[in-house]
Amino acid sequence: MQQWFASFRDGLGKTRENLAGHLNALLGRQLVDDQFWEQLEETLIGADFGVTTTQKIVADLKVAAQQQNLKRAQDVIRVFKTDVAEYVKHPRIAPVDVTSKPHVVLVVGVNGSGKTTTIGKLAAQERAKKRSVMLIAGDTFRAAAADQLAIWAQRTGAEIVRHKEGADPAAVVFDGLAAANARGTDVVFIDTAGRLQTKHNLMEELKKIRRIVAREVPGAPHETLLVLDATTGQNALSQARLFHEAIELSGIALTKLDGTAKGGIIIAIMDQVDLPVKYVGFGEQVDHLRPFDPRGYVDALF
């Protein structure tokens, strides 16, 4: 666990350095005045907390400063760090337990967010728990998408169901779930084609896939994960909102945290979209995708 936290902390290094530099400058101020609040707002927006969430945090801090008679910057910053921990708590933050078979996880997102790699890492972790895993190659549009998933299947010892390129994704999902039901597979991961959240016809196709999943496996999908690239910043909020409206997400897997200085996007997502970040990715290794730990995140952020 200590090694994992060290990797996570390293992954958030750019964000932490960005925040720390600005917060340390604020700590050098003697008085909590209008300029202090303006600089704090700029700092949080710069770390991708988002304008709305930043304004909410600052408004709450002003109330706390008045009620607790906080005059020094260091006292306000101390309260701020405590408040941030509250923003990343969510009643549905833990991954759903694998209780029914097959446990179906539908994975969606835009192109380049890291869907297939995320599926591969999750499959490897499930195989390490001695569970049987099936991967369904529902991305039939992107060249070599099924090949990439097949590499993960071979690497992890998972089974894979795929059709030829250009096939109907819904048909692939139907056949995959039929095979999983017949074989008593423990966990199924469904890869889907990357799509812009603004493309109506592609979102309708996702709805169709979701209906097939629900019809073929009672209670499924047990998880519907949106994979978001942390480096896209505030565009991630738009993606989360529109995908959630279309297919009712259960949570988010946030990738590439190690590639951004704006890891505050986690706070913006959980505040503005009311969806839990369930997994965070911060490197290439299989164990660099882990369940999101709010306490660990706040500790690594500061």
Protein backbone atom coordinates (compact mmCIF):
# COMPACT_ATOMS: atom_id res chain seq x y z
CA MET A 1 0.00 0.00 0.00
CA GLN A 2 2.86 2.39 0.80
CA GLN A 3 4.38 1.73 -2.61
CA TRP A 4 1.02 2.37 -4.29
CA PHE A 5 0.55 5.64 -2.40
CA ALA A 6 4.04 6.73 -3.41
CA SER A 7 3.14 6.08 -7.05
CA PHE A 8 -0.16 7.91 -6.65
CA ARG A 9 1.57 10.86 -5.01
CA ASP A 10 4.10 10.93 -7.83
CA GLY A 11 1.22 10.83 -10.33
CA LEU A 12 -0.30 13.92 -8.75
CA GLY A 13 3.08 15.63 -8.61
CA LYS A 14 2.33 18.24 -11.28
CA THR A 15 -0.98 19.15 -9.64
CA ARG A 16 0.57 19.30 -6.18
CA GLU A 17 3.45 21.51 -7.34
CA ASN A 18 0.99 23.82 -9.08
CA LEU A 19 -1.21 24.11 -5.99
CA ALA A 20 1.62 24.24 -3.48
CA GLY A 21 3.39 27.11 -5.20
CA HIS A 22 0.28 29.27 -5.21
CA LEU A 23 -0.87 28.28 -1.71
CA ASN A 24 2.59 28.96 -0.27
CA ALA A 25 2.43 32.43 -1.82
CA LEU A 26 -0.90 32.96 -0.12
CA LEU A 27 0.51 31.76 3.19
CA GLY A 28 3.04 34.56 2.95
CA ARG A 29 0.23 37.08 3.26
CA GLN A 30 -0.42 38.42 6.73
CA LEU A 31 -4.05 39.41 6.30
CA VAL A 32 -7.10 37.72 4.85
CA ASP A 33 -8.32 40.53 2.60
CA ASP A 34 -10.03 40.89 -0.78
CA GLN A 35 -6.79 40.25 -2.63
CA PHE A 36 -6.29 37.01 -0.69
CA TRP A 37 -9.72 35.73 -1.77
CA GLU A 38 -9.09 36.73 -5.39
CA GLN A 39 -5.76 34.91 -5.46
CA LEU A 40 -7.28 31.83 -3.85
CA GLU A 41 -10.00 31.76 -6.53
CA GLU A 42 -7.41 32.06 -9.30
CA THR A 43 -5.37 29.25 -7.74
CA LEU A 44 -8.28 26.82 -7.58
CA ILE A 45 -9.55 27.63 -11.06
CA GLY A 46 -6.00 27.14 -12.35
CA ALA A 47 -5.96 23.64 -10.82
CA ASP A 48 -9.25 22.83 -12.62
CA PHE A 49 -11.53 22.91 -9.61
CA GLY A 50 -13.89 24.70 -12.00
CA VAL A 51 -15.48 28.12 -11.64
CA THR A 52 -18.72 26.97 -10.02
CA THR A 53 -17.04 24.66 -7.50
CA THR A 54 -14.35 27.25 -6.75
CA GLN A 55 -16.96 29.91 -6.02
CA LYS A 56 -18.79 27.50 -3.73
CA ILE A 57 -15.60 26.61 -1.82
CA VAL A 58 -14.56 30.23 -1.44
CA ALA A 59 -18.05 31.27 -0.29
CA ASP A 60 -18.01 28.52 2.37
CA LEU A 61 -14.52 29.58 3.47
CA LYS A 62 -15.63 33.19 3.85
CA VAL A 63 -18.46 32.07 6.12
CA ALA A 64 -16.06 29.89 8.14
CA ALA A 65 -13.56 32.76 8.41
CA GLN A 66 -16.26 35.07 9.75
CA GLN A 67 -17.75 32.54 12.15
CA GLN A 68 -14.38 31.37 13.48
CA ASN A 69 -12.81 34.82 13.37
CA LEU A 70 -9.95 33.63 11.15
CA LYS A 71 -7.56 36.47 10.46
CA ARG A 72 -4.47 34.63 9.21
CA ALA A 73 -4.05 33.08 5.78
CA GLN A 74 -2.64 29.87 7.24
CA ASP A 75 -5.83 29.31 9.25
CA VAL A 76 -8.04 29.74 6.19
CA ILE A 77 -5.83 27.39 4.16
CA ARG A 78 -6.06 24.81 6.96
CA VAL A 79 -9.88 24.94 6.82
CA PHE A 80 -9.74 24.78 3.02
CA LYS A 81 -7.77 21.52 3.08
CA THR A 82 -10.36 20.02 5.44
CA ASP A 83 -13.22 21.18 3.22
CA VAL A 84 -11.67 19.64 0.10
CA ALA A 85 -11.89 16.21 1.72
CA GLU A 86 -15.67 16.63 2.00
CA TYR A 87 -16.01 17.37 -1.72
CA VAL A 88 -14.52 14.02 -2.74
CA LYS A 89 -16.77 11.84 -0.60
CA HIS A 90 -19.69 10.05 -2.25
CA PRO A 91 -22.07 7.34 -0.99
CA ARG A 92 -21.43 5.23 -4.13
CA ILE A 93 -17.69 5.68 -4.38
CA ALA A 94 -16.66 2.06 -3.80
CA PRO A 95 -16.59 -0.33 -6.78
CA VAL A 96 -19.65 -2.58 -6.88
CA ASP A 97 -19.02 -5.99 -5.30
CA VAL A 98 -18.99 -8.95 -7.67
CA THR A 99 -21.92 -10.89 -6.25
CA SER A 100 -23.95 -12.09 -9.24
CA LYS A 101 -22.58 -13.95 -12.26
CA PRO A 102 -21.86 -12.61 -14.74
CA HIS A 103 -21.00 -9.25 -13.23
CA VAL A 104 -21.24 -6.91 -16.22
CA VAL A 105 -19.24 -3.69 -16.57
CA LEU A 106 -20.11 -1.44 -19.52
CA VAL A 107 -17.26 0.94 -20.37
CA VAL A 108 -17.86 4.12 -22.40
CA GLY A 109 -16.08 7.33 -23.33
CA VAL A 110 -14.71 9.50 -26.12
CA ASN A 111 -11.85 8.50 -28.40
CA GLY A 112 -8.44 8.50 -26.78
CA SER A 113 -9.64 8.52 -23.18
CA GLY A 114 -8.06 5.14 -22.45
CA LYS A 115 -11.11 2.84 -22.42
CA THR A 116 -9.44 -0.29 -23.76
CA THR A 117 -6.36 0.08 -21.56
CA THR A 118 -8.57 0.68 -18.53
CA ILE A 119 -10.52 -2.50 -19.31
CA GLY A 120 -7.26 -4.42 -19.67
CA LYS A 121 -5.98 -3.26 -16.30
CA LEU A 122 -9.28 -4.03 -14.56
CA ALA A 123 -9.35 -7.46 -16.21
CA ALA A 124 -5.82 -8.16 -14.96
CA GLN A 125 -6.84 -7.23 -11.43
CA GLU A 126 -9.90 -9.49 -11.57
CA ARG A 127 -7.82 -12.37 -12.90
CA ALA A 128 -5.40 -11.85 -10.01
CA LYS A 129 -8.38 -12.55 -7.74
CA LYS A 130 -8.86 -15.89 -9.55
CA ARG A 131 -12.07 -14.74 -11.25
CA SER A 132 -12.95 -15.75 -14.79
CA VAL A 133 -13.17 -12.77 -17.13
CA MET A 134 -14.65 -12.19 -20.57
CA LEU A 135 -13.91 -9.17 -22.73
CA ILE A 136 -16.47 -8.15 -25.36
CA ALA A 137 -15.07 -6.15 -28.26
CA GLY A 138 -17.97 -3.78 -28.82
CA ASP A 139 -15.73 -1.23 -30.57
CA THR A 140 -16.09 -2.46 -34.15
CA PHE A 141 -15.35 0.91 -35.79
CA ARG A 142 -11.82 1.82 -34.77
CA ALA A 143 -9.14 0.03 -36.72
CA ALA A 144 -7.46 -2.69 -34.66
CA ALA A 145 -9.57 -1.95 -31.57
CA ALA A 146 -10.48 -5.61 -31.16
CA ASP A 147 -6.82 -6.53 -31.73
CA GLN A 148 -5.79 -4.29 -28.85
CA LEU A 149 -8.40 -5.90 -26.61
CA ALA A 150 -7.25 -9.36 -27.74
CA ILE A 151 -3.72 -8.55 -26.60
CA TRP A 152 -5.09 -7.77 -23.14
CA ALA A 153 -7.12 -11.00 -23.19
CA GLN A 154 -4.01 -13.00 -24.00
CA ARG A 155 -1.92 -11.15 -21.44
CA THR A 156 -4.43 -11.65 -18.62
CA GLY A 157 -5.86 -15.06 -19.49
CA ALA A 158 -9.31 -13.62 -20.14
CA GLU A 159 -11.65 -14.86 -22.87
CA ILE A 160 -12.72 -12.54 -25.67
CA VAL A 161 -15.71 -12.34 -27.99
CA ARG A 162 -15.20 -10.31 -31.16
CA HIS A 163 -16.69 -9.95 -34.63
CA LYS A 164 -15.14 -8.63 -37.79
CA GLU A 165 -14.46 -4.92 -38.14
CA GLY A 166 -17.59 -2.96 -39.02
CA ALA A 167 -19.97 -5.47 -37.44
CA ASP A 168 -23.03 -4.36 -35.47
CA PRO A 169 -21.78 -3.61 -31.92
CA ALA A 170 -25.13 -4.69 -30.42
CA ALA A 171 -24.75 -8.12 -32.07
CA VAL A 172 -21.27 -8.53 -30.60
CA VAL A 173 -22.58 -7.66 -27.14
CA PHE A 174 -25.50 -10.08 -27.52
CA ASP A 175 -23.19 -12.96 -28.52
CA GLY A 176 -20.69 -12.12 -25.78
CA LEU A 177 -23.29 -12.12 -23.03
CA ALA A 178 -24.77 -15.38 -24.33
CA ALA A 179 -21.31 -16.96 -24.09
CA ALA A 180 -20.73 -15.52 -20.60
CA ASN A 181 -24.07 -16.89 -19.41
CA ALA A 182 -23.35 -20.32 -20.89
CA ARG A 183 -19.85 -20.54 -19.42
CA GLY A 184 -20.66 -19.14 -15.97
CA THR A 185 -18.18 -16.28 -16.36
CA ASP A 186 -17.58 -14.22 -13.24
CA VAL A 187 -16.91 -10.78 -14.75
CA VAL A 188 -17.63 -9.29 -18.18
CA PHE A 189 -16.13 -6.06 -19.50
CA ILE A 190 -17.77 -4.52 -22.57
CA ASP A 191 -15.62 -2.21 -24.67
CA THR A 192 -17.49 0.34 -26.78
CA ALA A 193 -16.49 2.62 -29.63
CA GLY A 194 -15.27 6.05 -28.66
CA ARG A 195 -17.85 8.69 -29.39
CA LEU A 196 -18.29 12.39 -28.87
CA GLN A 197 -20.94 13.07 -26.26
CA THR A 198 -22.62 15.50 -28.68
CA LYS A 199 -23.25 12.93 -31.46
CA HIS A 200 -26.90 11.97 -31.04
CA ASN A 201 -26.91 8.85 -33.22
CA LEU A 202 -23.90 7.36 -31.46
CA MET A 203 -25.41 8.02 -28.04
CA GLU A 204 -28.59 6.28 -29.21
CA GLU A 205 -26.48 3.28 -30.16
CA LEU A 206 -25.12 3.18 -26.59
CA LYS A 207 -28.67 3.20 -25.26
CA LYS A 208 -29.44 0.20 -27.49
CA ILE A 209 -26.42 -1.68 -26.16
CA ARG A 210 -27.46 -0.91 -22.61
CA ARG A 211 -30.97 -2.25 -23.28
CA ILE A 212 -29.53 -5.50 -24.65
CA VAL A 213 -27.32 -5.89 -21.59
CA ALA A 214 -30.29 -5.36 -19.27
CA ARG A 215 -32.39 -7.86 -21.22
CA GLU A 216 -29.79 -10.63 -21.36
CA VAL A 217 -28.45 -10.36 -17.79
CA PRO A 218 -30.97 -9.42 -15.06
CA GLY A 219 -29.76 -6.43 -13.05
CA ALA A 220 -27.00 -5.59 -15.52
CA PRO A 221 -25.03 -3.56 -16.26
CA HIS A 222 -23.85 -3.65 -12.67
CA GLU A 223 -21.37 -0.87 -13.44
CA THR A 224 -21.47 1.68 -16.26
CA LEU A 225 -18.12 3.42 -16.20
CA LEU A 226 -17.21 6.54 -18.12
CA VAL A 227 -13.48 6.74 -18.81
CA LEU A 228 -12.27 10.34 -18.74
CA ASP A 229 -8.87 11.72 -19.67
CA ALA A 230 -7.81 14.05 -16.84
CA THR A 231 -5.77 16.18 -19.24
CA THR A 232 -8.95 17.35 -21.05
CA GLY A 233 -9.80 19.59 -18.10
CA GLN A 234 -13.23 21.16 -17.93
CA ASN A 235 -14.40 19.36 -21.10
CA ALA A 236 -14.54 16.29 -18.88
CA LEU A 237 -17.50 17.86 -17.06
CA SER A 238 -19.47 18.14 -20.30
CA GLN A 239 -18.65 14.53 -21.16
CA ALA A 240 -19.76 13.31 -17.75
CA ARG A 241 -23.05 15.23 -17.84
CA LEU A 242 -24.10 14.14 -21.33
CA PHE A 243 -23.08 10.49 -21.00
CA HIS A 244 -24.86 10.35 -17.64
CA GLU A 245 -28.04 11.81 -19.13
CA ALA A 246 -27.94 9.27 -21.97
CA ILE A 247 -27.16 6.00 -20.20
CA GLU A 248 -27.15 6.57 -16.43
CA LEU A 249 -23.53 6.14 -15.38
CA SER A 250 -22.58 4.53 -12.08
CA GLY A 251 -19.16 6.13 -11.90
CA ILE A 252 -16.01 7.43 -13.56
CA ALA A 253 -12.54 6.09 -14.20
CA LEU A 254 -10.20 9.07 -14.50
CA THR A 255 -7.02 8.34 -16.45
CA LYS A 256 -3.72 10.14 -17.11
CA LEU A 257 -3.62 12.01 -13.80
CA ASP A 258 0.15 11.90 -14.05
CA GLY A 259 0.02 13.95 -17.24
CA THR A 260 -1.75 17.02 -15.87
CA ALA A 261 -1.18 19.83 -13.39
CA LYS A 262 -4.96 20.12 -13.02
CA GLY A 263 -5.91 17.12 -10.90
CA GLY A 264 -8.49 19.28 -9.16
CA ILE A 265 -10.89 18.12 -11.91
CA ILE A 266 -11.81 15.24 -9.57
CA ILE A 267 -13.34 17.73 -7.16
CA ALA A 268 -15.21 19.56 -9.94
CA ILE A 269 -16.66 16.30 -11.30
CA MET A 270 -17.85 15.00 -7.97
CA ASP A 271 -19.35 18.36 -7.05
CA GLN A 272 -20.94 19.36 -10.36
CA VAL A 273 -22.10 16.02 -11.79
CA ASP A 274 -22.80 14.10 -8.57
CA LEU A 275 -21.00 11.02 -9.86
CA PRO A 276 -18.32 9.17 -7.92
CA VAL A 277 -14.82 8.86 -9.30
CA LYS A 278 -14.35 5.12 -8.75
CA TYR A 279 -10.94 4.53 -10.33
CA VAL A 280 -7.91 6.70 -10.98
CA GLY A 281 -5.12 5.98 -13.45
CA PHE A 282 -1.68 7.53 -13.05
CA GLY A 283 0.77 5.47 -15.07
CA GLU A 284 1.34 2.59 -17.48
CA GLN A 285 1.60 -0.29 -15.03
CA VAL A 286 -1.39 -2.53 -14.30
CA ASP A 287 -1.44 -1.46 -10.65
CA HIS A 288 -1.42 2.22 -11.66
CA LEU A 289 -5.18 2.01 -12.03
CA ARG A 290 -6.70 1.73 -8.57
CA PRO A 291 -9.98 2.33 -6.72
CA PHE A 292 -10.22 5.99 -5.79
CA ASP A 293 -9.41 6.73 -2.15
CA PRO A 294 -10.63 10.19 -1.06
CA ARG A 295 -8.31 10.40 1.95
CA GLY A 296 -5.31 9.28 -0.09
CA TYR A 297 -6.19 11.80 -2.80
CA VAL A 298 -6.28 14.73 -0.38
CA ASP A 299 -3.04 13.59 1.29
CA ALA A 300 -1.34 13.28 -2.11
CA LEU A 301 -2.75 16.62 -3.31
CA PHE A 302 -1.13 18.62 -0.53
